[in-house]
Amino acid sequence: MDPFRGKGGIQMLLTAEQEAQQIVSTARNLRTQRLKQAKDEAERDAALYRSDKENEYQTQISENTGSSGSNVKRLEEETETKIQAIKEKASKVSSEVSDMLLNYITSVKT
């Protein structure tokens, strides 16, 4: 047995072990980076989804509130129009009613 041959084999094993450790270390680092990247992508997707749903919700609220607001506005306009029409009719008829009341009050029937 040659003593240099045994040392060369040990040296080759140590070198192979160091290379294997570097490969494992590199793989761990790559896995860690990929996990961080996946986490960031998931957070970004979740934020985007949350934002879309929030916008959708706000749109629904504004549509529901808006239609209710437009109904109220329409009803107010219709009410104001009807009030004006009644006031006009009352002003036209008020002189006739006054004359009729005066006539009934001042005339005596026997």
PDB file of N, CA and C in Angstrom:
ATOM      1  N   MET A   1       0.810  -1.195   0.000  1.00  0.00           N
ATOM      2  CA  MET A   1       0.000   0.000   0.000  1.00  0.00           C
ATOM      3  C   MET A   1       0.847   1.249   0.000  1.00  0.00           C
ATOM      4  N   ASP A   2       0.508   2.081  -0.874  1.00  0.00           N
ATOM      5  CA  ASP A   2       1.252   3.327  -1.020  1.00  0.00           C
ATOM      6  C   ASP A   2       0.635   4.387  -0.114  1.00  0.00           C
ATOM      7  N   PRO A   3       1.434   5.028   0.777  1.00  0.00           N
ATOM      8  CA  PRO A   3       0.861   6.013   1.699  1.00  0.00           C
ATOM      9  C   PRO A   3       0.345   7.267   0.982  1.00  0.00           C
ATOM     10  N   PHE A   4       0.902   7.637  -0.160  1.00  0.00           N
ATOM     11  CA  PHE A   4       0.431   8.822  -0.894  1.00  0.00           C
ATOM     12  C   PHE A   4      -0.911   8.580  -1.552  1.00  0.00           C
ATOM     13  N   ARG A   5      -1.115   7.325  -1.910  1.00  0.00           N
ATOM     14  CA  ARG A   5      -2.377   6.981  -2.574  1.00  0.00           C
ATOM     15  C   ARG A   5      -3.543   7.147  -1.609  1.00  0.00           C
ATOM     16  N   GLY A   6      -3.375   6.760  -0.357  1.00  0.00           N
ATOM     17  CA  GLY A   6      -4.407   6.895   0.659  1.00  0.00           C
ATOM     18  C   GLY A   6      -4.687   8.354   0.958  1.00  0.00           C
ATOM     19  N   LYS A   7      -3.654   9.162   1.017  1.00  0.00           N
ATOM     20  CA  LYS A   7      -3.830  10.586   1.290  1.00  0.00           C
ATOM     21  C   LYS A   7      -4.516  11.273   0.116  1.00  0.00           C
ATOM     22  N   GLY A   8      -4.174  10.843  -1.080  1.00  0.00           N
ATOM     23  CA  GLY A   8      -4.826  11.415  -2.269  1.00  0.00           C
ATOM     24  C   GLY A   8      -6.300  11.088  -2.287  1.00  0.00           C
ATOM     25  N   GLY A   9      -6.659   9.882  -1.877  1.00  0.00           N
ATOM     26  CA  GLY A   9      -8.068   9.483  -1.821  1.00  0.00           C
ATOM     27  C   GLY A   9      -8.819  10.289  -0.780  1.00  0.00           C
ATOM     28  N   ILE A  10      -8.170  10.513   0.374  1.00  0.00           N
ATOM     29  CA  ILE A  10      -8.807  11.306   1.428  1.00  0.00           C
ATOM     30  C   ILE A  10      -8.988  12.742   0.948  1.00  0.00           C
ATOM     31  N   GLN A  11      -7.953  13.249   0.290  1.00  0.00           N
ATOM     32  CA  GLN A  11      -8.025  14.609  -0.234  1.00  0.00           C
ATOM     33  C   GLN A  11      -9.154  14.731  -1.257  1.00  0.00           C
ATOM     34  N   MET A  12      -9.312  13.714  -2.089  1.00  0.00           N
ATOM     35  CA  MET A  12     -10.399  13.718  -3.084  1.00  0.00           C
ATOM     36  C   MET A  12     -11.748  13.680  -2.389  1.00  0.00           C
ATOM     37  N   LEU A  13     -11.847  12.897  -1.312  1.00  0.00           N
ATOM     38  CA  LEU A  13     -13.105  12.828  -0.566  1.00  0.00           C
ATOM     39  C   LEU A  13     -13.411  14.173   0.096  1.00  0.00           C
ATOM     40  N   LEU A  14     -12.399  14.814   0.677  1.00  0.00           N
ATOM     41  CA  LEU A  14     -12.609  16.123   1.301  1.00  0.00           C
ATOM     42  C   LEU A  14     -13.036  17.163   0.265  1.00  0.00           C
ATOM     43  N   THR A  15     -12.404  17.112  -0.886  1.00  0.00           N
ATOM     44  CA  THR A  15     -12.778  18.042  -1.962  1.00  0.00           C
ATOM     45  C   THR A  15     -14.194  17.770  -2.431  1.00  0.00           C
ATOM     46  N   ALA A  16     -14.531  16.505  -2.594  1.00  0.00           N
ATOM     47  CA  ALA A  16     -15.885  16.138  -3.022  1.00  0.00           C
ATOM     48  C   ALA A  16     -16.907  16.554  -1.968  1.00  0.00           C
ATOM     49  N   GLU A  17     -16.545  16.403  -0.691  1.00  0.00           N
ATOM     50  CA  GLU A  17     -17.457  16.799   0.393  1.00  0.00           C
ATOM     51  C   GLU A  17     -17.664  18.312   0.388  1.00  0.00           C
ATOM     52  N   GLN A  18     -16.592  19.067   0.170  1.00  0.00           N
ATOM     53  CA  GLN A  18     -16.704  20.525   0.113  1.00  0.00           C
ATOM     54  C   GLN A  18     -17.574  20.953  -1.074  1.00  0.00           C
ATOM     55  N   GLU A  19     -17.390  20.304  -2.197  1.00  0.00           N
ATOM     56  CA  GLU A  19     -18.210  20.611  -3.373  1.00  0.00           C
ATOM     57  C   GLU A  19     -19.675  20.280  -3.106  1.00  0.00           C
ATOM     58  N   ALA A  20     -19.898  19.153  -2.433  1.00  0.00           N
ATOM     59  CA  ALA A  20     -21.264  18.754  -2.102  1.00  0.00           C
ATOM     60  C   ALA A  20     -21.891  19.762  -1.135  1.00  0.00           C
ATOM     61  N   GLN A  21     -21.114  20.240  -0.170  1.00  0.00           N
ATOM     62  CA  GLN A  21     -21.623  21.244   0.756  1.00  0.00           C
ATOM     63  C   GLN A  21     -21.954  22.552   0.025  1.00  0.00           C
ATOM     64  N   GLN A  22     -21.139  22.928  -0.928  1.00  0.00           N
ATOM     65  CA  GLN A  22     -21.408  24.131  -1.718  1.00  0.00           C
ATOM     66  C   GLN A  22     -22.682  23.967  -2.544  1.00  0.00           C
ATOM     67  N   ILE A  23     -22.842  22.792  -3.119  1.00  0.00           N
ATOM     68  CA  ILE A  23     -24.045  22.522  -3.920  1.00  0.00           C
ATOM     69  C   ILE A  23     -25.296  22.585  -3.031  1.00  0.00           C
ATOM     70  N   VAL A  24     -25.206  21.944  -1.845  1.00  0.00           N
ATOM     71  CA  VAL A  24     -26.339  21.945  -0.907  1.00  0.00           C
ATOM     72  C   VAL A  24     -26.620  23.369  -0.436  1.00  0.00           C
ATOM     73  N   SER A  25     -25.574  24.113  -0.121  1.00  0.00           N
ATOM     74  CA  SER A  25     -25.723  25.491   0.337  1.00  0.00           C
ATOM     75  C   SER A  25     -26.357  26.358  -0.758  1.00  0.00           C
ATOM     76  N   THR A  26     -25.885  26.178  -1.975  1.00  0.00           N
ATOM     77  CA  THR A  26     -26.460  26.922  -3.104  1.00  0.00           C
ATOM     78  C   THR A  26     -27.926  26.559  -3.295  1.00  0.00           C
ATOM     79  N   ALA A  27     -28.236  25.289  -3.185  1.00  0.00           N
ATOM     80  CA  ALA A  27     -29.625  24.837  -3.340  1.00  0.00           C
ATOM     81  C   ALA A  27     -30.504  25.427  -2.237  1.00  0.00           C
ATOM     82  N   ARG A  28     -29.993  25.454  -1.009  1.00  0.00           N
ATOM     83  CA  ARG A  28     -30.757  26.049   0.099  1.00  0.00           C
ATOM     84  C   ARG A  28     -31.000  27.537  -0.141  1.00  0.00           C
ATOM     85  N   ASN A  29     -29.963  28.229  -0.585  1.00  0.00           N
ATOM     86  CA  ASN A  29     -30.103  29.659  -0.866  1.00  0.00           C
ATOM     87  C   ASN A  29     -31.129  29.906  -1.977  1.00  0.00           C
ATOM     88  N   LEU A  30     -31.042  29.095  -3.023  1.00  0.00           N
ATOM     89  CA  LEU A  30     -32.005  29.235  -4.122  1.00  0.00           C
ATOM     90  C   LEU A  30     -33.428  28.951  -3.649  1.00  0.00           C
ATOM     91  N   ARG A  31     -33.571  27.913  -2.790  1.00  0.00           N
ATOM     92  CA  ARG A  31     -34.891  27.579  -2.253  1.00  0.00           C
ATOM     93  C   ARG A  31     -35.417  28.728  -1.394  1.00  0.00           C
ATOM     94  N   THR A  32     -34.548  29.307  -0.568  1.00  0.00           N
ATOM     95  CA  THR A  32     -34.951  30.431   0.278  1.00  0.00           C
ATOM     96  C   THR A  32     -35.371  31.626  -0.581  1.00  0.00           C
ATOM     97  N   GLN A  33     -34.599  31.895  -1.618  1.00  0.00           N
ATOM     98  CA  GLN A  33     -34.948  32.999  -2.520  1.00  0.00           C
ATOM     99  C   GLN A  33     -36.283  32.740  -3.209  1.00  0.00           C
ATOM    100  N   ARG A  34     -36.489  31.523  -3.644  1.00  0.00           N
ATOM    101  CA  ARG A  34     -37.745  31.173  -4.329  1.00  0.00           C
ATOM    102  C   ARG A  34     -38.932  31.284  -3.378  1.00  0.00           C
ATOM    103  N   LEU A  35     -38.735  30.856  -2.115  1.00  0.00           N
ATOM    104  CA  LEU A  35     -39.806  30.987  -1.124  1.00  0.00           C
ATOM    105  C   LEU A  35     -40.146  32.457  -0.874  1.00  0.00           C
ATOM    106  N   LYS A  36     -39.119  33.298  -0.770  1.00  0.00           N
ATOM    107  CA  LYS A  36     -39.362  34.734  -0.588  1.00  0.00           C
ATOM    108  C   LYS A  36     -40.093  35.305  -1.794  1.00  0.00           C
ATOM    109  N   GLN A  37     -39.668  34.906  -2.985  1.00  0.00           N
ATOM    110  CA  GLN A  37     -40.301  35.379  -4.215  1.00  0.00           C
ATOM    111  C   GLN A  37     -41.762  34.924  -4.268  1.00  0.00           C
ATOM    112  N   ALA A  38     -42.010  33.672  -3.912  1.00  0.00           N
ATOM    113  CA  ALA A  38     -43.380  33.149  -3.918  1.00  0.00           C
ATOM    114  C   ALA A  38     -44.233  33.889  -2.896  1.00  0.00           C
ATOM    115  N   LYS A  39     -43.667  34.173  -1.729  1.00  0.00           N
ATOM    116  CA  LYS A  39     -44.395  34.911  -0.700  1.00  0.00           C
ATOM    117  C   LYS A  39     -44.735  36.317  -1.196  1.00  0.00           C
ATOM    118  N   ASP A  40     -43.769  36.994  -1.812  1.00  0.00           N
ATOM    119  CA  ASP A  40     -44.015  38.336  -2.342  1.00  0.00           C
ATOM    120  C   ASP A  40     -45.097  38.317  -3.423  1.00  0.00           C
ATOM    121  N   GLU A  41     -45.038  37.323  -4.302  1.00  0.00           N
ATOM    122  CA  GLU A  41     -46.052  37.201  -5.357  1.00  0.00           C
ATOM    123  C   GLU A  41     -47.433  36.948  -4.761  1.00  0.00           C
ATOM    124  N   ALA A  42     -47.478  36.093  -3.746  1.00  0.00           N
ATOM    125  CA  ALA A  42     -48.759  35.794  -3.095  1.00  0.00           C
ATOM    126  C   ALA A  42     -49.316  37.043  -2.416  1.00  0.00           C
ATOM    127  N   GLU A  43     -48.466  37.804  -1.733  1.00  0.00           N
ATOM    128  CA  GLU A  43     -48.918  39.036  -1.088  1.00  0.00           C
ATOM    129  C   GLU A  43     -49.400  40.049  -2.118  1.00  0.00           C
ATOM    130  N   ARG A  44     -48.686  40.157  -3.233  1.00  0.00           N
ATOM    131  CA  ARG A  44     -49.082  41.080  -4.298  1.00  0.00           C
ATOM    132  C   ARG A  44     -50.425  40.662  -4.889  1.00  0.00           C
ATOM    133  N   ASP A  45     -50.585  39.363  -5.135  1.00  0.00           N
ATOM    134  CA  ASP A  45     -51.855  38.859  -5.672  1.00  0.00           C
ATOM    135  C   ASP A  45     -53.002  39.091  -4.691  1.00  0.00           C
ATOM    136  N   ALA A  46     -52.725  38.858  -3.412  1.00  0.00           N
ATOM    137  CA  ALA A  46     -53.757  39.065  -2.390  1.00  0.00           C
ATOM    138  C   ALA A  46     -54.134  40.539  -2.308  1.00  0.00           C
ATOM    139  N   ALA A  47     -53.145  41.421  -2.366  1.00  0.00           N
ATOM    140  CA  ALA A  47     -53.422  42.859  -2.322  1.00  0.00           C
ATOM    141  C   ALA A  47     -54.226  43.294  -3.545  1.00  0.00           C
ATOM    142  N   LEU A  48     -53.882  42.761  -4.703  1.00  0.00           N
ATOM    143  CA  LEU A  48     -54.606  43.091  -5.928  1.00  0.00           C
ATOM    144  C   LEU A  48     -56.045  42.591  -5.852  1.00  0.00           C
ATOM    145  N   TYR A  49     -56.223  41.371  -5.380  1.00  0.00           N
ATOM    146  CA  TYR A  49     -57.563  40.800  -5.233  1.00  0.00           C
ATOM    147  C   TYR A  49     -58.386  41.616  -4.238  1.00  0.00           C
ATOM    148  N   ARG A  50     -57.757  41.954  -3.111  1.00  0.00           N
ATOM    149  CA  ARG A  50     -58.429  42.747  -2.088  1.00  0.00           C
ATOM    150  C   ARG A  50     -58.831  44.109  -2.659  1.00  0.00           C
ATOM    151  N   SER A  51     -57.945  44.723  -3.425  1.00  0.00           N
ATOM    152  CA  SER A  51     -58.230  46.019  -4.028  1.00  0.00           C
ATOM    153  C   SER A  51     -59.384  45.918  -5.027  1.00  0.00           C
ATOM    154  N   ASP A  52     -59.378  44.871  -5.846  1.00  0.00           N
ATOM    155  CA  ASP A  52     -60.460  44.676  -6.813  1.00  0.00           C
ATOM    156  C   ASP A  52     -61.798  44.498  -6.111  1.00  0.00           C
ATOM    157  N   LYS A  53     -61.804  43.679  -5.064  1.00  0.00           N
ATOM    158  CA  LYS A  53     -63.054  43.436  -4.328  1.00  0.00           C
ATOM    159  C   LYS A  53     -63.526  44.706  -3.620  1.00  0.00           C
ATOM    160  N   GLU A  54     -62.590  45.486  -3.100  1.00  0.00           N
ATOM    161  CA  GLU A  54     -62.954  46.741  -2.433  1.00  0.00           C
ATOM    162  C   GLU A  54     -63.560  47.717  -3.438  1.00  0.00           C
ATOM    163  N   ASN A  55     -62.949  47.805  -4.632  1.00  0.00           N
ATOM    164  CA  ASN A  55     -63.491  48.676  -5.671  1.00  0.00           C
ATOM    165  C   ASN A  55     -64.881  48.211  -6.098  1.00  0.00           C
ATOM    166  N   GLU A  56     -65.040  46.909  -6.242  1.00  0.00           N
ATOM    167  CA  GLU A  56     -66.342  46.348  -6.613  1.00  0.00           C
ATOM    168  C   GLU A  56     -67.383  46.669  -5.540  1.00  0.00           C
ATOM    169  N   TYR A  57     -66.998  46.530  -4.283  1.00  0.00           N
ATOM    170  CA  TYR A  57     -67.896  46.822  -3.175  1.00  0.00           C
ATOM    171  C   TYR A  57     -68.278  48.304  -3.158  1.00  0.00           C
ATOM    172  N   GLN A  58     -67.277  49.174  -3.337  1.00  0.00           N
ATOM    173  CA  GLN A  58     -67.552  50.617  -3.343  1.00  0.00           C
ATOM    174  C   GLN A  58     -68.459  50.995  -4.512  1.00  0.00           C
ATOM    175  N   THR A  59     -68.276  50.338  -5.660  1.00  0.00           N
ATOM    176  CA  THR A  59     -69.131  50.585  -6.814  1.00  0.00           C
ATOM    177  C   THR A  59     -70.565  50.186  -6.516  1.00  0.00           C
ATOM    178  N   GLN A  60     -70.742  49.027  -5.894  1.00  0.00           N
ATOM    179  CA  GLN A  60     -72.088  48.580  -5.539  1.00  0.00           C
ATOM    180  C   GLN A  60     -72.736  49.531  -4.546  1.00  0.00           C
ATOM    181  N   ILE A  61     -71.970  49.978  -3.577  1.00  0.00           N
ATOM    182  CA  ILE A  61     -72.524  50.903  -2.586  1.00  0.00           C
ATOM    183  C   ILE A  61     -72.931  52.208  -3.259  1.00  0.00           C
ATOM    184  N   SER A  62     -72.071  52.721  -4.126  1.00  0.00           N
ATOM    185  CA  SER A  62     -72.399  53.995  -4.784  1.00  0.00           C
ATOM    186  C   SER A  62     -73.594  53.844  -5.711  1.00  0.00           C
ATOM    187  N   GLU A  63     -73.716  52.690  -6.374  1.00  0.00           N
ATOM    188  CA  GLU A  63     -74.873  52.471  -7.245  1.00  0.00           C
ATOM    189  C   GLU A  63     -76.148  52.392  -6.423  1.00  0.00           C
ATOM    190  N   ASN A  64     -76.112  51.644  -5.333  1.00  0.00           N
ATOM    191  CA  ASN A  64     -77.301  51.511  -4.491  1.00  0.00           C
ATOM    192  C   ASN A  64     -77.663  52.830  -3.844  1.00  0.00           C
ATOM    193  N   THR A  65     -76.671  53.523  -3.332  1.00  0.00           N
ATOM    194  CA  THR A  65     -76.915  54.810  -2.708  1.00  0.00           C
ATOM    195  C   THR A  65     -77.308  55.833  -3.764  1.00  0.00           C
ATOM    196  N   GLY A  66     -76.650  55.767  -4.892  1.00  0.00           N
ATOM    197  CA  GLY A  66     -76.940  56.712  -5.974  1.00  0.00           C
ATOM    198  C   GLY A  66     -78.363  56.568  -6.466  1.00  0.00           C
ATOM    199  N   SER A  67     -78.830  55.334  -6.651  1.00  0.00           N
ATOM    200  CA  SER A  67     -80.186  55.141  -7.133  1.00  0.00           C
ATOM    201  C   SER A  67     -81.172  55.603  -6.086  1.00  0.00           C
ATOM    202  N   SER A  68     -80.870  55.373  -4.825  1.00  0.00           N
ATOM    203  CA  SER A  68     -81.732  55.841  -3.749  1.00  0.00           C
ATOM    204  C   SER A  68     -81.724  57.363  -3.728  1.00  0.00           C
ATOM    205  N   GLY A  69     -80.563  57.952  -3.890  1.00  0.00           N
ATOM    206  CA  GLY A  69     -80.453  59.409  -3.931  1.00  0.00           C
ATOM    207  C   GLY A  69     -81.187  59.989  -5.123  1.00  0.00           C
ATOM    208  N   SER A  70     -81.089  59.321  -6.268  1.00  0.00           N
ATOM    209  CA  SER A  70     -81.789  59.823  -7.445  1.00  0.00           C
ATOM    210  C   SER A  70     -83.296  59.675  -7.274  1.00  0.00           C
ATOM    211  N   ASN A  71     -83.733  58.605  -6.597  1.00  0.00           N
ATOM    212  CA  ASN A  71     -85.157  58.445  -6.318  1.00  0.00           C
ATOM    213  C   ASN A  71     -85.648  59.563  -5.413  1.00  0.00           C
ATOM    214  N   VAL A  72     -84.875  59.874  -4.394  1.00  0.00           N
ATOM    215  CA  VAL A  72     -85.252  60.948  -3.478  1.00  0.00           C
ATOM    216  C   VAL A  72     -85.315  62.267  -4.234  1.00  0.00           C
ATOM    217  N   LYS A  73     -84.337  62.519  -5.061  1.00  0.00           N
ATOM    218  CA  LYS A  73     -84.309  63.770  -5.832  1.00  0.00           C
ATOM    219  C   LYS A  73     -85.505  63.841  -6.770  1.00  0.00           C
ATOM    220  N   ARG A  74     -85.806  62.738  -7.432  1.00  0.00           N
ATOM    221  CA  ARG A  74     -86.947  62.708  -8.345  1.00  0.00           C
ATOM    222  C   ARG A  74     -88.241  62.960  -7.589  1.00  0.00           C
ATOM    223  N   LEU A  75     -88.389  62.315  -6.427  1.00  0.00           N
ATOM    224  CA  LEU A  75     -89.598  62.510  -5.620  1.00  0.00           C
ATOM    225  C   LEU A  75     -89.710  63.952  -5.125  1.00  0.00           C
ATOM    226  N   GLU A  76     -88.597  64.546  -4.743  1.00  0.00           N
ATOM    227  CA  GLU A  76     -88.627  65.945  -4.311  1.00  0.00           C
ATOM    228  C   GLU A  76     -89.062  66.857  -5.448  1.00  0.00           C
ATOM    229  N   GLU A  77     -88.549  66.604  -6.645  1.00  0.00           N
ATOM    230  CA  GLU A  77     -88.933  67.413  -7.804  1.00  0.00           C
ATOM    231  C   GLU A  77     -90.424  67.255  -8.115  1.00  0.00           C
ATOM    232  N   GLU A  78     -90.898  66.009  -8.071  1.00  0.00           N
ATOM    233  CA  GLU A  78     -92.328  65.773  -8.337  1.00  0.00           C
ATOM    234  C   GLU A  78     -93.187  66.464  -7.283  1.00  0.00           C
ATOM    235  N   THR A  79     -92.771  66.379  -6.026  1.00  0.00           N
ATOM    236  CA  THR A  79     -93.524  67.014  -4.941  1.00  0.00           C
ATOM    237  C   THR A  79     -93.554  68.526  -5.126  1.00  0.00           C
ATOM    238  N   GLU A  80     -92.418  69.099  -5.455  1.00  0.00           N
ATOM    239  CA  GLU A  80     -92.352  70.558  -5.667  1.00  0.00           C
ATOM    240  C   GLU A  80     -93.243  70.972  -6.830  1.00  0.00           C
ATOM    241  N   THR A  81     -93.255  70.194  -7.886  1.00  0.00           N
ATOM    242  CA  THR A  81     -94.119  70.484  -9.043  1.00  0.00           C
ATOM    243  C   THR A  81     -95.590  70.436  -8.635  1.00  0.00           C
ATOM    244  N   LYS A  82     -95.985  69.437  -7.873  1.00  0.00           N
ATOM    245  CA  LYS A  82     -97.375  69.310  -7.434  1.00  0.00           C
ATOM    246  C   LYS A  82     -97.760  70.449  -6.498  1.00  0.00           C
ATOM    247  N   ILE A  83     -96.843  70.832  -5.618  1.00  0.00           N
ATOM    248  CA  ILE A  83     -97.120  71.956  -4.707  1.00  0.00           C
ATOM    249  C   ILE A  83     -97.346  73.232  -5.504  1.00  0.00           C
ATOM    250  N   GLN A  84     -96.500  73.465  -6.497  1.00  0.00           N
ATOM    251  CA  GLN A  84     -96.657  74.666  -7.337  1.00  0.00           C
ATOM    252  C   GLN A  84     -97.999  74.642  -8.068  1.00  0.00           C
ATOM    253  N   ALA A  85     -98.380  73.469  -8.584  1.00  0.00           N
ATOM    254  CA  ALA A  85     -99.656  73.353  -9.298  1.00  0.00           C
ATOM    255  C   ALA A  85    -100.817  73.648  -8.351  1.00  0.00           C
ATOM    256  N   ILE A  86    -100.764  73.150  -7.139  1.00  0.00           N
ATOM    257  CA  ILE A  86    -101.834  73.396  -6.162  1.00  0.00           C
ATOM    258  C   ILE A  86    -101.881  74.870  -5.794  1.00  0.00           C
ATOM    259  N   LYS A  87    -100.725  75.500  -5.594  1.00  0.00           N
ATOM    260  CA  LYS A  87    -100.692  76.932  -5.271  1.00  0.00           C
ATOM    261  C   LYS A  87    -101.283  77.766  -6.398  1.00  0.00           C
ATOM    262  N   GLU A  88    -100.980  77.419  -7.639  1.00  0.00           N
ATOM    263  CA  GLU A  88    -101.528  78.153  -8.787  1.00  0.00           C
ATOM    264  C   GLU A  88    -103.046  78.012  -8.845  1.00  0.00           C
ATOM    265  N   LYS A  89    -103.529  76.786  -8.652  1.00  0.00           N
ATOM    266  CA  LYS A  89    -104.978  76.565  -8.659  1.00  0.00           C
ATOM    267  C   LYS A  89    -105.641  77.334  -7.519  1.00  0.00           C
ATOM    268  N   ALA A  90    -105.005  77.302  -6.343  1.00  0.00           N
ATOM    269  CA  ALA A  90    -105.568  77.998  -5.189  1.00  0.00           C
ATOM    270  C   ALA A  90    -105.610  79.502  -5.430  1.00  0.00           C
ATOM    271  N   SER A  91    -104.560  80.047  -6.023  1.00  0.00           N
ATOM    272  CA  SER A  91    -104.552  81.495  -6.271  1.00  0.00           C
ATOM    273  C   SER A  91    -105.603  81.881  -7.310  1.00  0.00           C
ATOM    274  N   LYS A  92    -105.856  81.027  -8.277  1.00  0.00           N
ATOM    275  CA  LYS A  92    -106.881  81.317  -9.291  1.00  0.00           C
ATOM    276  C   LYS A  92    -108.283  81.247  -8.681  1.00  0.00           C
ATOM    277  N   VAL A  93    -108.507  80.321  -7.795  1.00  0.00           N
ATOM    278  CA  VAL A  93    -109.835  80.075  -7.255  1.00  0.00           C
ATOM    279  C   VAL A  93    -110.092  80.908  -5.993  1.00  0.00           C
ATOM    280  N   SER A  94    -109.079  81.414  -5.370  1.00  0.00           N
ATOM    281  CA  SER A  94    -109.265  82.091  -4.082  1.00  0.00           C
ATOM    282  C   SER A  94    -110.181  83.305  -4.185  1.00  0.00           C
ATOM    283  N   SER A  95    -110.078  84.068  -5.245  1.00  0.00           N
ATOM    284  CA  SER A  95    -110.972  85.230  -5.383  1.00  0.00           C
ATOM    285  C   SER A  95    -112.422  84.781  -5.556  1.00  0.00           C
ATOM    286  N   GLU A  96    -112.639  83.720  -6.303  1.00  0.00           N
ATOM    287  CA  GLU A  96    -113.998  83.203  -6.477  1.00  0.00           C
ATOM    288  C   GLU A  96    -114.554  82.692  -5.153  1.00  0.00           C
ATOM    289  N   VAL A  97    -113.723  81.990  -4.383  1.00  0.00           N
ATOM    290  CA  VAL A  97    -114.163  81.467  -3.094  1.00  0.00           C
ATOM    291  C   VAL A  97    -114.476  82.619  -2.140  1.00  0.00           C
ATOM    292  N   SER A  98    -113.619  83.638  -2.146  1.00  0.00           N
ATOM    293  CA  SER A  98    -113.856  84.802  -1.285  1.00  0.00           C
ATOM    294  C   SER A  98    -115.174  85.476  -1.646  1.00  0.00           C
ATOM    295  N   ASP A  99    -115.418  85.680  -2.927  1.00  0.00           N
ATOM    296  CA  ASP A  99    -116.657  86.306  -3.370  1.00  0.00           C
ATOM    297  C   ASP A  99    -117.858  85.452  -2.968  1.00  0.00           C
ATOM    298  N   MET A 100    -117.745  84.158  -3.137  1.00  0.00           N
ATOM    299  CA  MET A 100    -118.841  83.260  -2.789  1.00  0.00           C
ATOM    300  C   MET A 100    -119.120  83.305  -1.288  1.00  0.00           C
ATOM    301  N   LEU A 101    -118.070  83.293  -0.474  1.00  0.00           N
ATOM    302  CA  LEU A 101    -118.247  83.364   0.978  1.00  0.00           C
ATOM    303  C   LEU A 101    -118.892  84.693   1.385  1.00  0.00           C
ATOM    304  N   LEU A 102    -118.414  85.785   0.797  1.00  0.00           N
ATOM    305  CA  LEU A 102    -119.013  87.092   1.112  1.00  0.00           C
ATOM    306  C   LEU A 102    -120.476  87.134   0.709  1.00  0.00           C
ATOM    307  N   ASN A 103    -120.780  86.562  -0.416  1.00  0.00           N
ATOM    308  CA  ASN A 103    -122.166  86.552  -0.895  1.00  0.00           C
ATOM    309  C   ASN A 103    -123.054  85.768   0.071  1.00  0.00           C
ATOM    310  N   TYR A 104    -122.589  84.608   0.528  1.00  0.00           N
ATOM    311  CA  TYR A 104    -123.377  83.822   1.454  1.00  0.00           C
ATOM    312  C   TYR A 104    -123.502  84.491   2.814  1.00  0.00           C
ATOM    313  N   ILE A 105    -122.444  85.151   3.232  1.00  0.00           N
ATOM    314  CA  ILE A 105    -122.482  85.787   4.538  1.00  0.00           C
ATOM    315  C   ILE A 105    -123.393  87.026   4.519  1.00  0.00           C
ATOM    316  N   THR A 106    -123.309  87.788   3.475  1.00  0.00           N
ATOM    317  CA  THR A 106    -124.061  89.050   3.421  1.00  0.00           C
ATOM    318  C   THR A 106    -125.502  88.883   2.988  1.00  0.00           C
ATOM    319  N   SER A 107    -125.805  87.828   2.326  1.00  0.00           N
ATOM    320  CA  SER A 107    -127.183  87.658   1.885  1.00  0.00           C
ATOM    321  C   SER A 107    -127.965  86.887   2.952  1.00  0.00           C
ATOM    322  N   VAL A 108    -129.137  87.360   3.197  1.00  0.00           N
ATOM    323  CA  VAL A 108    -129.964  86.748   4.195  1.00  0.00           C
ATOM    324  C   VAL A 108    -131.111  86.084   3.492  1.00  0.00           C
ATOM    325  N   LYS A 109    -131.350  84.879   3.796  1.00  0.00           N
ATOM    326  CA  LYS A 109    -132.468  84.178   3.201  1.00  0.00           C
ATOM    327  C   LYS A 109    -133.584  84.137   4.220  1.00  0.00           C
ATOM    328  N   THR A 110    -134.746  84.393   3.738  1.00  0.00           N
ATOM    329  CA  THR A 110    -135.899  84.357   4.643  1.00  0.00           C
ATOM    330  C   THR A 110    -136.849  83.281   4.299  1.00  0.00           C
TER     331      THR A 110
END
